[in-house]
Amino acid sequence: MIVFDESYLIRGKSYRVDDNITVGNPTLEEILDYGEEKYYALISTLTATPSDYKVYLYDKGLDFETVGEFEFFCSAVRHIAPTESAILFGALDFSAMKIYAETKISGGSGEKELSIGNGSVFINSLAYMLITDFIRKINGVAAYKPEKYANEHAKQYRMEIERSNMKYKKREPFKSVLLPLISAYANCPESRYGYGTAMRLHISQFHDGVKRVIKRVHYDNIMRGLYAGTVSRKDINLDEVNWLA
């Protein structure tokens, strides 16, 4: 397996995990044609972790802190139909995959090593990490940080808060994430893209461009403040706000 480098994001490249698995890097137009709500639901499922479903797992008699991320992934992705995952994985069919557990001898003790596959295509824990890392990065999703609790009481308290939020949270209609960003990007003087040309950008290129424009605007505002005397030089680290960094 070859770990992708950061240039994939700028170049809009797909990521070939191995001979059988390639993770796509769709364009904005492809995502909107597919359906933005469906797309982000797919991303959510693929990158979900046990802590995201702590209440669900607890009600099943499982502690989310003891359920492995890859183990959770193996169970979750088997509910994804091929038509739902095609925008990222082409003909790969997660719903036809089975979970396999092989005994791995380590230090004299037998340990179970999971993989999921359909006989010709297999995903192990390393492939899982590469896949989810790429998906998170091209879509601007923050890296997962495991939740840590001081004790069992603190964990249970958090669980009850989550349960209460789920109970009273009103189901709201989906609100587009991309459309406001596309509109802002197409109408921002710092961007050289219009509506039509922006549609051809891959999702990783689009997110990189939006972040760069925000950084450029922030830098320009800091510079104006310095020249106007409304911002103190000693309070600013120019290396941190430099939009070229």
C-alpha atoms as a PDB file:
ATOM      1  CA  MET A   1       0.000   0.000   0.000  1.00  0.00           C
ATOM      2  CA  ILE A   2       1.191   3.496  -0.869  1.00  0.00           C
ATOM      3  CA  VAL A   3       0.360   6.344   1.481  1.00  0.00           C
ATOM      4  CA  PHE A   4      -0.889   9.356  -0.456  1.00  0.00           C
ATOM      5  CA  ASP A   5       0.960  12.642  -0.159  1.00  0.00           C
ATOM      6  CA  GLU A   6      -0.466  16.112   0.311  1.00  0.00           C
ATOM      7  CA  SER A   7      -0.111  16.902  -3.399  1.00  0.00           C
ATOM      8  CA  TYR A   8      -3.135  14.646  -4.040  1.00  0.00           C
ATOM      9  CA  LEU A   9      -5.307  17.302  -2.424  1.00  0.00           C
ATOM     10  CA  ILE A  10      -4.006  20.118  -4.640  1.00  0.00           C
ATOM     11  CA  ARG A  11      -4.067  17.991  -7.784  1.00  0.00           C
ATOM     12  CA  GLY A  12      -7.529  16.584  -7.131  1.00  0.00           C
ATOM     13  CA  LYS A  13      -6.278  13.037  -7.445  1.00  0.00           C
ATOM     14  CA  SER A  14      -8.080   9.888  -6.401  1.00  0.00           C
ATOM     15  CA  TYR A  15      -6.225   7.577  -4.034  1.00  0.00           C
ATOM     16  CA  ARG A  16      -5.372   4.032  -5.061  1.00  0.00           C
ATOM     17  CA  VAL A  17      -5.183   2.069  -1.830  1.00  0.00           C
ATOM     18  CA  ASP A  18      -4.297  -1.205  -3.572  1.00  0.00           C
ATOM     19  CA  ASP A  19      -5.003  -3.053  -6.821  1.00  0.00           C
ATOM     20  CA  ASN A  20      -8.690  -3.432  -5.956  1.00  0.00           C
ATOM     21  CA  ILE A  21      -9.595  -0.301  -4.008  1.00  0.00           C
ATOM     22  CA  THR A  22      -9.470   3.291  -5.196  1.00  0.00           C
ATOM     23  CA  VAL A  23     -11.047   6.169  -3.262  1.00  0.00           C
ATOM     24  CA  GLY A  24     -12.425   8.861  -5.540  1.00  0.00           C
ATOM     25  CA  ASN A  25     -11.997  12.616  -5.228  1.00  0.00           C
ATOM     26  CA  PRO A  26     -15.229  13.832  -6.887  1.00  0.00           C
ATOM     27  CA  THR A  27     -15.827  17.256  -8.399  1.00  0.00           C
ATOM     28  CA  LEU A  28     -18.384  19.673  -7.012  1.00  0.00           C
ATOM     29  CA  GLU A  29     -20.601  19.001 -10.012  1.00  0.00           C
ATOM     30  CA  GLU A  30     -20.460  15.241  -9.416  1.00  0.00           C
ATOM     31  CA  ILE A  31     -21.379  15.708  -5.757  1.00  0.00           C
ATOM     32  CA  LEU A  32     -24.307  18.007  -6.526  1.00  0.00           C
ATOM     33  CA  ASP A  33     -25.545  15.651  -9.276  1.00  0.00           C
ATOM     34  CA  TYR A  34     -25.291  12.746  -6.843  1.00  0.00           C
ATOM     35  CA  GLY A  35     -27.027  14.708  -4.084  1.00  0.00           C
ATOM     36  CA  GLU A  36     -25.202  16.685  -1.407  1.00  0.00           C
ATOM     37  CA  GLU A  37     -27.271  15.287   1.470  1.00  0.00           C
ATOM     38  CA  LYS A  38     -26.622  11.706   0.334  1.00  0.00           C
ATOM     39  CA  TYR A  39     -22.949  12.457  -0.142  1.00  0.00           C
ATOM     40  CA  TYR A  40     -22.415  13.790   3.364  1.00  0.00           C
ATOM     41  CA  ALA A  41     -24.457  10.941   4.821  1.00  0.00           C
ATOM     42  CA  LEU A  42     -22.032   8.573   3.085  1.00  0.00           C
ATOM     43  CA  ILE A  43     -19.017  10.485   4.413  1.00  0.00           C
ATOM     44  CA  SER A  44     -20.515  10.406   7.909  1.00  0.00           C
ATOM     45  CA  THR A  45     -20.979   6.635   7.800  1.00  0.00           C
ATOM     46  CA  LEU A  46     -17.497   5.948   6.439  1.00  0.00           C
ATOM     47  CA  THR A  47     -15.729   8.121   9.011  1.00  0.00           C
ATOM     48  CA  ALA A  48     -17.985   7.419  12.002  1.00  0.00           C
ATOM     49  CA  THR A  49     -16.356   6.230  15.214  1.00  0.00           C
ATOM     50  CA  PRO A  50     -17.736   4.406  18.268  1.00  0.00           C
ATOM     51  CA  SER A  51     -17.880   7.651  20.268  1.00  0.00           C
ATOM     52  CA  ASP A  52     -20.235   9.115  17.641  1.00  0.00           C
ATOM     53  CA  TYR A  53     -22.684   6.336  18.528  1.00  0.00           C
ATOM     54  CA  LYS A  54     -21.982   6.003  22.236  1.00  0.00           C
ATOM     55  CA  VAL A  55     -25.663   5.922  23.256  1.00  0.00           C
ATOM     56  CA  TYR A  56     -26.601   3.429  20.530  1.00  0.00           C
ATOM     57  CA  LEU A  57     -23.762   1.110  21.561  1.00  0.00           C
ATOM     58  CA  TYR A  58     -24.582   1.479  25.253  1.00  0.00           C
ATOM     59  CA  ASP A  59     -28.169   0.426  24.587  1.00  0.00           C
ATOM     60  CA  LYS A  60     -26.760  -2.649  22.833  1.00  0.00           C
ATOM     61  CA  GLY A  61     -24.770  -3.496  25.944  1.00  0.00           C
ATOM     62  CA  LEU A  62     -21.458  -2.248  24.529  1.00  0.00           C
ATOM     63  CA  ASP A  63     -19.014   0.298  25.902  1.00  0.00           C
ATOM     64  CA  PHE A  64     -17.940   2.673  23.126  1.00  0.00           C
ATOM     65  CA  GLU A  65     -14.473   2.949  24.690  1.00  0.00           C
ATOM     66  CA  THR A  66     -13.853  -0.761  24.228  1.00  0.00           C
ATOM     67  CA  VAL A  67     -15.221  -1.052  20.671  1.00  0.00           C
ATOM     68  CA  GLY A  68     -12.415  -0.650  18.145  1.00  0.00           C
ATOM     69  CA  GLU A  69     -12.723   1.947  15.383  1.00  0.00           C
ATOM     70  CA  PHE A  70     -12.071  -0.609  12.663  1.00  0.00           C
ATOM     71  CA  GLU A  71     -14.445  -3.104  14.238  1.00  0.00           C
ATOM     72  CA  PHE A  72     -17.153  -0.432  14.197  1.00  0.00           C
ATOM     73  CA  PHE A  73     -16.337   0.432  10.565  1.00  0.00           C
ATOM     74  CA  CYS A  74     -16.697  -3.220   9.522  1.00  0.00           C
ATOM     75  CA  SER A  75     -20.206  -3.359  10.937  1.00  0.00           C
ATOM     76  CA  ALA A  76     -21.323   0.048   9.663  1.00  0.00           C
ATOM     77  CA  VAL A  77     -20.191  -0.135   6.017  1.00  0.00           C
ATOM     78  CA  ARG A  78     -21.994  -3.402   5.349  1.00  0.00           C
ATOM     79  CA  HIS A  79     -25.230  -1.405   5.288  1.00  0.00           C
ATOM     80  CA  ILE A  80     -24.015   0.778   2.394  1.00  0.00           C
ATOM     81  CA  ALA A  81     -25.520  -0.148  -0.978  1.00  0.00           C
ATOM     82  CA  PRO A  82     -23.278  -0.047  -4.093  1.00  0.00           C
ATOM     83  CA  THR A  83     -25.338   2.793  -5.560  1.00  0.00           C
ATOM     84  CA  GLU A  84     -24.597   4.862  -2.459  1.00  0.00           C
ATOM     85  CA  SER A  85     -20.837   4.297  -2.368  1.00  0.00           C
ATOM     86  CA  ALA A  86     -20.192   4.435  -6.135  1.00  0.00           C
ATOM     87  CA  ILE A  87     -19.279   8.133  -6.108  1.00  0.00           C
ATOM     88  CA  LEU A  88     -16.204   7.281  -4.017  1.00  0.00           C
ATOM     89  CA  PHE A  89     -15.575   3.577  -4.645  1.00  0.00           C
ATOM     90  CA  GLY A  90     -16.949   2.785  -8.087  1.00  0.00           C
ATOM     91  CA  ALA A  91     -18.178  -0.809  -8.334  1.00  0.00           C
ATOM     92  CA  LEU A  92     -16.939  -1.827  -4.871  1.00  0.00           C
ATOM     93  CA  ASP A  93     -19.826  -3.451  -2.972  1.00  0.00           C
ATOM     94  CA  PHE A  94     -19.558  -3.065   0.800  1.00  0.00           C
ATOM     95  CA  SER A  95     -22.925  -4.759   1.345  1.00  0.00           C
ATOM     96  CA  ALA A  96     -21.556  -8.055  -0.024  1.00  0.00           C
ATOM     97  CA  MET A  97     -18.581  -8.069   2.328  1.00  0.00           C
ATOM     98  CA  LYS A  98     -18.170 -10.334   5.328  1.00  0.00           C
ATOM     99  CA  ILE A  99     -16.138  -9.839   8.473  1.00  0.00           C
ATOM    100  CA  TYR A 100     -13.212 -12.199   8.910  1.00  0.00           C
ATOM    101  CA  ALA A 101     -11.136 -12.751  12.043  1.00  0.00           C
ATOM    102  CA  GLU A 102      -7.760 -14.447  11.805  1.00  0.00           C
ATOM    103  CA  THR A 103      -5.696 -15.524  14.782  1.00  0.00           C
ATOM    104  CA  LYS A 104      -2.458 -13.587  14.974  1.00  0.00           C
ATOM    105  CA  ILE A 105       0.268 -14.899  17.261  1.00  0.00           C
ATOM    106  CA  SER A 106       1.924 -12.079  19.181  1.00  0.00           C
ATOM    107  CA  GLY A 107       4.215 -12.674  22.153  1.00  0.00           C
ATOM    108  CA  GLY A 108       2.919 -16.185  22.567  1.00  0.00           C
ATOM    109  CA  SER A 109      -0.743 -15.182  22.806  1.00  0.00           C
ATOM    110  CA  GLY A 110      -3.377 -15.479  20.105  1.00  0.00           C
ATOM    111  CA  GLU A 111      -4.949 -12.206  19.012  1.00  0.00           C
ATOM    112  CA  LYS A 112      -7.755 -11.694  16.516  1.00  0.00           C
ATOM    113  CA  GLU A 113      -7.007  -9.567  13.458  1.00  0.00           C
ATOM    114  CA  LEU A 114     -10.110  -8.379  11.652  1.00  0.00           C
ATOM    115  CA  SER A 115     -10.621  -7.754   7.976  1.00  0.00           C
ATOM    116  CA  ILE A 116     -13.665  -7.226   5.813  1.00  0.00           C
ATOM    117  CA  GLY A 117     -13.990  -8.534   2.282  1.00  0.00           C
ATOM    118  CA  ASN A 118     -15.891 -10.445  -0.376  1.00  0.00           C
ATOM    119  CA  GLY A 119     -13.381 -13.096  -1.422  1.00  0.00           C
ATOM    120  CA  SER A 120     -11.313 -10.970  -3.797  1.00  0.00           C
ATOM    121  CA  VAL A 121     -11.288  -7.567  -2.110  1.00  0.00           C
ATOM    122  CA  PHE A 122     -10.195  -7.179   1.497  1.00  0.00           C
ATOM    123  CA  ILE A 123      -9.864  -4.209   3.809  1.00  0.00           C
ATOM    124  CA  ASN A 124      -7.721  -4.596   6.925  1.00  0.00           C
ATOM    125  CA  SER A 125      -7.101  -2.084   9.697  1.00  0.00           C
ATOM    126  CA  LEU A 126      -4.250  -0.383   7.821  1.00  0.00           C
ATOM    127  CA  ALA A 127      -6.330   0.051   4.652  1.00  0.00           C
ATOM    128  CA  TYR A 128      -9.160   1.375   6.809  1.00  0.00           C
ATOM    129  CA  MET A 129      -6.919   4.062   8.303  1.00  0.00           C
ATOM    130  CA  LEU A 130      -5.658   5.104   4.860  1.00  0.00           C
ATOM    131  CA  ILE A 131      -9.184   5.223   3.403  1.00  0.00           C
ATOM    132  CA  THR A 132     -10.741   7.224   6.216  1.00  0.00           C
ATOM    133  CA  ASP A 133      -7.768   9.584   6.466  1.00  0.00           C
ATOM    134  CA  PHE A 134      -8.055  10.394   2.760  1.00  0.00           C
ATOM    135  CA  ILE A 135     -11.832  10.854   2.942  1.00  0.00           C
ATOM    136  CA  ARG A 136     -11.516  13.183   5.919  1.00  0.00           C
ATOM    137  CA  LYS A 137      -8.821  15.282   4.271  1.00  0.00           C
ATOM    138  CA  ILE A 138     -10.475  15.765   0.883  1.00  0.00           C
ATOM    139  CA  ASN A 139     -13.740  16.753   2.582  1.00  0.00           C
ATOM    140  CA  GLY A 140     -12.275  19.049   5.214  1.00  0.00           C
ATOM    141  CA  VAL A 141     -13.356  16.779   8.078  1.00  0.00           C
ATOM    142  CA  ALA A 142     -11.312  17.105  11.270  1.00  0.00           C
ATOM    143  CA  ALA A 143      -9.166  14.155  12.288  1.00  0.00           C
ATOM    144  CA  TYR A 144     -10.714  11.911  14.921  1.00  0.00           C
ATOM    145  CA  LYS A 145      -9.620  12.488  18.523  1.00  0.00           C
ATOM    146  CA  PRO A 146     -10.585   9.736  20.991  1.00  0.00           C
ATOM    147  CA  GLU A 147     -12.695  10.853  23.930  1.00  0.00           C
ATOM    148  CA  LYS A 148     -11.113  10.463  27.333  1.00  0.00           C
ATOM    149  CA  TYR A 149     -12.955  10.546  30.650  1.00  0.00           C
ATOM    150  CA  ALA A 150     -11.494  10.859  34.124  1.00  0.00           C
ATOM    151  CA  ASN A 151     -13.710   8.118  35.512  1.00  0.00           C
ATOM    152  CA  GLU A 152     -16.816   6.039  34.880  1.00  0.00           C
ATOM    153  CA  HIS A 153     -19.079   8.619  36.527  1.00  0.00           C
ATOM    154  CA  ALA A 154     -17.906  11.340  34.128  1.00  0.00           C
ATOM    155  CA  LYS A 155     -18.485   9.032  31.179  1.00  0.00           C
ATOM    156  CA  GLN A 156     -21.989   8.119  32.287  1.00  0.00           C
ATOM    157  CA  TYR A 157     -22.817  11.779  32.884  1.00  0.00           C
ATOM    158  CA  ARG A 158     -21.779  12.584  29.325  1.00  0.00           C
ATOM    159  CA  MET A 159     -23.852   9.661  28.093  1.00  0.00           C
ATOM    160  CA  GLU A 160     -26.981  11.048  29.746  1.00  0.00           C
ATOM    161  CA  ILE A 161     -26.386  14.466  28.195  1.00  0.00           C
ATOM    162  CA  GLU A 162     -26.104  12.840  24.773  1.00  0.00           C
ATOM    163  CA  ARG A 163     -29.272  10.846  25.368  1.00  0.00           C
ATOM    164  CA  SER A 164     -31.163  13.956  26.436  1.00  0.00           C
ATOM    165  CA  ASN A 165     -29.954  15.870  23.378  1.00  0.00           C
ATOM    166  CA  MET A 166     -31.100  13.049  21.104  1.00  0.00           C
ATOM    167  CA  LYS A 167     -34.506  12.945  22.758  1.00  0.00           C
ATOM    168  CA  TYR A 168     -35.285  16.636  22.424  1.00  0.00           C
ATOM    169  CA  LYS A 169     -33.357  17.500  19.296  1.00  0.00           C
ATOM    170  CA  LYS A 170     -35.725  18.592  16.574  1.00  0.00           C
ATOM    171  CA  ARG A 171     -35.289  16.918  13.231  1.00  0.00           C
ATOM    172  CA  GLU A 172     -34.422  19.759  10.897  1.00  0.00           C
ATOM    173  CA  PRO A 173     -34.367  19.604   7.095  1.00  0.00           C
ATOM    174  CA  PHE A 174     -30.956  19.266   5.497  1.00  0.00           C
ATOM    175  CA  LYS A 175     -29.175  22.568   4.981  1.00  0.00           C
ATOM    176  CA  SER A 176     -26.580  22.723   2.227  1.00  0.00           C
ATOM    177  CA  VAL A 177     -22.964  23.118   3.257  1.00  0.00           C
ATOM    178  CA  LEU A 178     -21.538  23.509  -0.234  1.00  0.00           C
ATOM    179  CA  LEU A 179     -23.920  25.964  -1.903  1.00  0.00           C
ATOM    180  CA  PRO A 180     -23.133  28.974   0.353  1.00  0.00           C
ATOM    181  CA  LEU A 181     -19.407  28.241   0.038  1.00  0.00           C
ATOM    182  CA  ILE A 182     -19.612  27.946  -3.746  1.00  0.00           C
ATOM    183  CA  SER A 183     -21.543  31.218  -3.956  1.00  0.00           C
ATOM    184  CA  ALA A 184     -19.036  33.008  -1.720  1.00  0.00           C
ATOM    185  CA  TYR A 185     -16.072  31.557  -3.605  1.00  0.00           C
ATOM    186  CA  ALA A 186     -17.482  32.531  -7.010  1.00  0.00           C
ATOM    187  CA  ASN A 187     -18.221  36.089  -5.864  1.00  0.00           C
ATOM    188  CA  CYS A 188     -15.084  36.703  -3.826  1.00  0.00           C
ATOM    189  CA  PRO A 189     -12.580  39.063  -5.518  1.00  0.00           C
ATOM    190  CA  GLU A 190      -9.717  36.916  -4.187  1.00  0.00           C
ATOM    191  CA  SER A 191     -11.004  33.924  -6.190  1.00  0.00           C
ATOM    192  CA  ARG A 192     -10.487  33.505  -9.933  1.00  0.00           C
ATOM    193  CA  TYR A 193     -13.335  31.008 -10.286  1.00  0.00           C
ATOM    194  CA  GLY A 194     -16.893  31.666 -11.398  1.00  0.00           C
ATOM    195  CA  TYR A 195     -19.869  29.360 -10.859  1.00  0.00           C
ATOM    196  CA  GLY A 196     -19.174  27.283 -13.962  1.00  0.00           C
ATOM    197  CA  THR A 197     -15.445  26.855 -13.505  1.00  0.00           C
ATOM    198  CA  ALA A 198     -15.811  26.144  -9.776  1.00  0.00           C
ATOM    199  CA  MET A 199     -18.021  23.148 -10.591  1.00  0.00           C
ATOM    200  CA  ARG A 200     -15.035  21.431 -12.201  1.00  0.00           C
ATOM    201  CA  LEU A 201     -12.954  21.641  -9.040  1.00  0.00           C
ATOM    202  CA  HIS A 202     -12.437  18.432  -7.100  1.00  0.00           C
ATOM    203  CA  ILE A 203     -13.742  18.584  -3.546  1.00  0.00           C
ATOM    204  CA  SER A 204     -10.192  18.625  -2.099  1.00  0.00           C
ATOM    205  CA  GLN A 205      -9.193  21.511  -4.380  1.00  0.00           C
ATOM    206  CA  PHE A 206     -12.307  23.443  -3.467  1.00  0.00           C
ATOM    207  CA  HIS A 207     -11.770  23.128   0.287  1.00  0.00           C
ATOM    208  CA  ASP A 208      -8.110  24.075  -0.106  1.00  0.00           C
ATOM    209  CA  GLY A 209      -9.084  27.140  -2.177  1.00  0.00           C
ATOM    210  CA  VAL A 210     -11.707  28.289   0.326  1.00  0.00           C
ATOM    211  CA  LYS A 211      -9.258  27.976   3.238  1.00  0.00           C
ATOM    212  CA  ARG A 212      -6.601  29.861   1.292  1.00  0.00           C
ATOM    213  CA  VAL A 213      -8.980  32.717   0.432  1.00  0.00           C
ATOM    214  CA  ILE A 214     -10.026  32.997   4.100  1.00  0.00           C
ATOM    215  CA  LYS A 215      -6.377  33.100   5.120  1.00  0.00           C
ATOM    216  CA  ARG A 216      -5.615  35.730   2.458  1.00  0.00           C
ATOM    217  CA  VAL A 217      -8.474  37.978   3.586  1.00  0.00           C
ATOM    218  CA  HIS A 218      -7.405  37.602   7.233  1.00  0.00           C
ATOM    219  CA  TYR A 219      -3.802  38.482   6.349  1.00  0.00           C
ATOM    220  CA  ASP A 220      -4.858  41.567   4.360  1.00  0.00           C
ATOM    221  CA  ASN A 221      -7.009  42.774   7.255  1.00  0.00           C
ATOM    222  CA  ILE A 222      -4.092  42.332   9.672  1.00  0.00           C
ATOM    223  CA  MET A 223      -1.787  44.312   7.356  1.00  0.00           C
ATOM    224  CA  ARG A 224      -4.309  47.154   7.051  1.00  0.00           C
ATOM    225  CA  GLY A 225      -4.639  47.224  10.814  1.00  0.00           C
ATOM    226  CA  LEU A 226      -0.861  47.429  11.250  1.00  0.00           C
ATOM    227  CA  TYR A 227      -0.513  50.310   8.798  1.00  0.00           C
ATOM    228  CA  ALA A 228      -3.504  52.117  10.307  1.00  0.00           C
ATOM    229  CA  GLY A 229      -2.148  51.665  13.825  1.00  0.00           C
ATOM    230  CA  THR A 230      -5.221  49.780  15.068  1.00  0.00           C
ATOM    231  CA  VAL A 231      -3.268  46.529  15.461  1.00  0.00           C
ATOM    232  CA  SER A 232      -0.083  46.280  17.501  1.00  0.00           C
ATOM    233  CA  ARG A 233       2.896  44.560  15.850  1.00  0.00           C
ATOM    234  CA  LYS A 234       3.960  42.933  19.121  1.00  0.00           C
ATOM    235  CA  ASP A 235       0.587  41.168  19.330  1.00  0.00           C
ATOM    236  CA  ILE A 236       0.917  39.548  15.892  1.00  0.00           C
ATOM    237  CA  ASN A 237       3.020  36.601  14.727  1.00  0.00           C
ATOM    238  CA  LEU A 238       3.303  37.339  11.004  1.00  0.00           C
ATOM    239  CA  ASP A 239       4.575  33.823  10.297  1.00  0.00           C
ATOM    240  CA  GLU A 240       1.283  32.419  11.588  1.00  0.00           C
ATOM    241  CA  VAL A 241      -1.005  34.737   9.622  1.00  0.00           C
ATOM    242  CA  ASN A 242       1.049  34.704   6.393  1.00  0.00           C
ATOM    243  CA  TRP A 243      -1.391  33.474   3.721  1.00  0.00           C
ATOM    244  CA  LEU A 244       1.455  31.897   1.709  1.00  0.00           C
ATOM    245  CA  ALA A 245       2.442  29.592   4.556  1.00  0.00           C
END
